């Protein structure tokens, strides 16, 4: 699949792959699996602030390497647009302008 398609909204709404990924499901950080939990949390947050992360959709087995902020578009201050919302059950929600 090309990186950019002419009608992204239509592709997202009609493609089976994206419909599966858009359902609410468990997503796990896949980096540094051999490290302690606290270190993995810190590395995950730092990677997100750097504009990248590796995650896996548990139900489908889909692994993604995300890049949030291309440097040529946002410069070095892009991480300020990223916010973490920690929940009581050790889950974290990320909010960012992806597209």
Protein backbone atom coordinates (compact mmCIF):
# COMPACT_ATOMS: atom_id res chain seq x y z
CA UNK A 1 0.00 0.00 0.00
CA UNK A 2 1.40 3.44 -0.86
CA UNK A 3 2.22 5.83 1.99
CA UNK A 4 -0.22 8.45 0.70
CA UNK A 5 -3.45 7.75 -1.13
CA UNK A 6 -5.65 10.34 -2.90
CA UNK A 7 -8.73 9.88 -0.66
CA UNK A 8 -7.42 8.94 2.78
CA UNK A 9 -10.78 9.15 4.54
CA UNK A 10 -12.44 6.78 2.08
CA UNK A 11 -9.50 4.36 2.29
CA UNK A 12 -9.64 4.42 6.10
CA UNK A 13 -13.41 3.88 6.26
CA UNK A 14 -13.66 1.17 3.58
CA UNK A 15 -10.45 -0.87 3.82
CA UNK A 16 -10.86 -4.01 5.97
CA UNK A 17 -7.35 -3.63 7.41
CA UNK A 18 -8.13 -0.17 8.79
CA UNK A 19 -11.56 -1.21 10.05
CA UNK A 20 -9.91 -3.92 12.15
CA UNK A 21 -7.35 -1.48 13.53
CA UNK A 22 -9.97 1.18 14.31
CA UNK A 23 -11.84 -1.10 16.71
CA UNK A 24 -11.07 -0.62 20.36
CA UNK A 25 -8.49 -3.21 21.33
CA UNK A 26 -5.39 -3.76 23.40
CA UNK A 27 -2.19 -2.22 22.04
CA UNK A 28 1.20 -2.92 23.58
CA UNK A 29 4.54 -1.18 23.38
CA UNK A 30 6.99 -3.62 21.82
CA UNK A 31 10.30 -1.94 22.54
CA UNK A 32 12.84 -3.15 25.12
CA UNK A 33 10.93 -6.27 26.18
CA UNK A 34 13.88 -7.49 28.25
CA UNK A 35 13.96 -4.38 30.48
CA UNK A 36 12.05 -3.82 33.77
CA UNK A 37 8.52 -2.36 33.59
CA UNK A 38 9.47 1.08 34.94
CA UNK A 39 12.34 1.43 32.47
CA UNK A 40 10.06 0.40 29.59
CA UNK A 41 7.54 3.06 30.64
CA UNK A 42 10.21 5.74 30.67
CA UNK A 43 11.63 4.63 27.32
CA UNK A 44 8.13 4.56 25.80
CA UNK A 45 7.42 8.11 26.93
CA UNK A 46 10.81 9.35 25.72
CA UNK A 47 10.35 7.65 22.35
CA UNK A 48 6.91 9.26 21.97
CA UNK A 49 8.37 12.66 22.81
CA UNK A 50 10.98 12.00 20.12
CA UNK A 51 8.09 11.35 17.73
CA UNK A 52 8.31 7.60 17.36
CA UNK A 53 7.17 4.36 18.94
CA UNK A 54 6.79 0.68 18.16
CA UNK A 55 3.43 -0.83 19.05
CA UNK A 56 1.50 -4.03 18.40
CA UNK A 57 -2.24 -4.59 18.11
CA UNK A 58 -2.63 -7.70 20.26
CA UNK A 59 -5.84 -9.07 18.70
CA UNK A 60 -4.61 -8.94 15.10
CA UNK A 61 -0.87 -9.33 15.64
CA UNK A 62 -0.23 -6.18 13.63
CA UNK A 63 3.04 -4.42 14.48
CA UNK A 64 3.52 -0.76 13.63
CA UNK A 65 6.48 1.54 13.84
CA UNK A 66 4.91 4.95 14.34
CA UNK A 67 6.49 8.29 13.50
CA UNK A 68 4.42 11.18 14.81
CA UNK A 69 6.40 14.27 13.88
CA UNK A 70 8.49 14.52 10.74
CA UNK A 71 11.30 16.95 11.63
CA UNK A 72 10.95 18.89 8.40
CA UNK A 73 7.33 19.78 9.27
CA UNK A 74 7.42 20.46 12.99
CA UNK A 75 11.00 21.12 14.09
CA UNK A 76 12.24 20.24 17.53
CA UNK A 77 9.24 21.46 19.55
CA UNK A 78 6.66 18.99 18.17
CA UNK A 79 6.57 16.86 21.30
CA UNK A 80 4.76 19.72 23.04
CA UNK A 81 1.65 18.78 21.02
CA UNK A 82 1.71 15.25 22.43
CA UNK A 83 -0.11 14.52 25.66
CA UNK A 84 -0.25 11.41 27.81
CA UNK A 85 -3.33 10.47 29.77
CA UNK A 86 -2.56 7.86 32.42
CA UNK A 87 -5.39 5.72 33.70
CA UNK A 88 -5.67 3.77 36.94
CA UNK A 89 -5.22 0.36 35.28
CA UNK A 90 -1.69 1.04 33.91
CA UNK A 91 -3.01 2.11 30.53
CA UNK A 92 -1.90 5.22 28.68
CA UNK A 93 -3.72 7.13 25.99
CA UNK A 94 -1.78 9.22 23.48
CA UNK A 95 -3.26 12.27 21.85
CA UNK A 96 -1.49 13.77 18.86
CA UNK A 97 -2.14 15.30 15.47
CA UNK A 98 -1.29 12.27 13.35
CA UNK A 99 -2.51 13.30 9.90
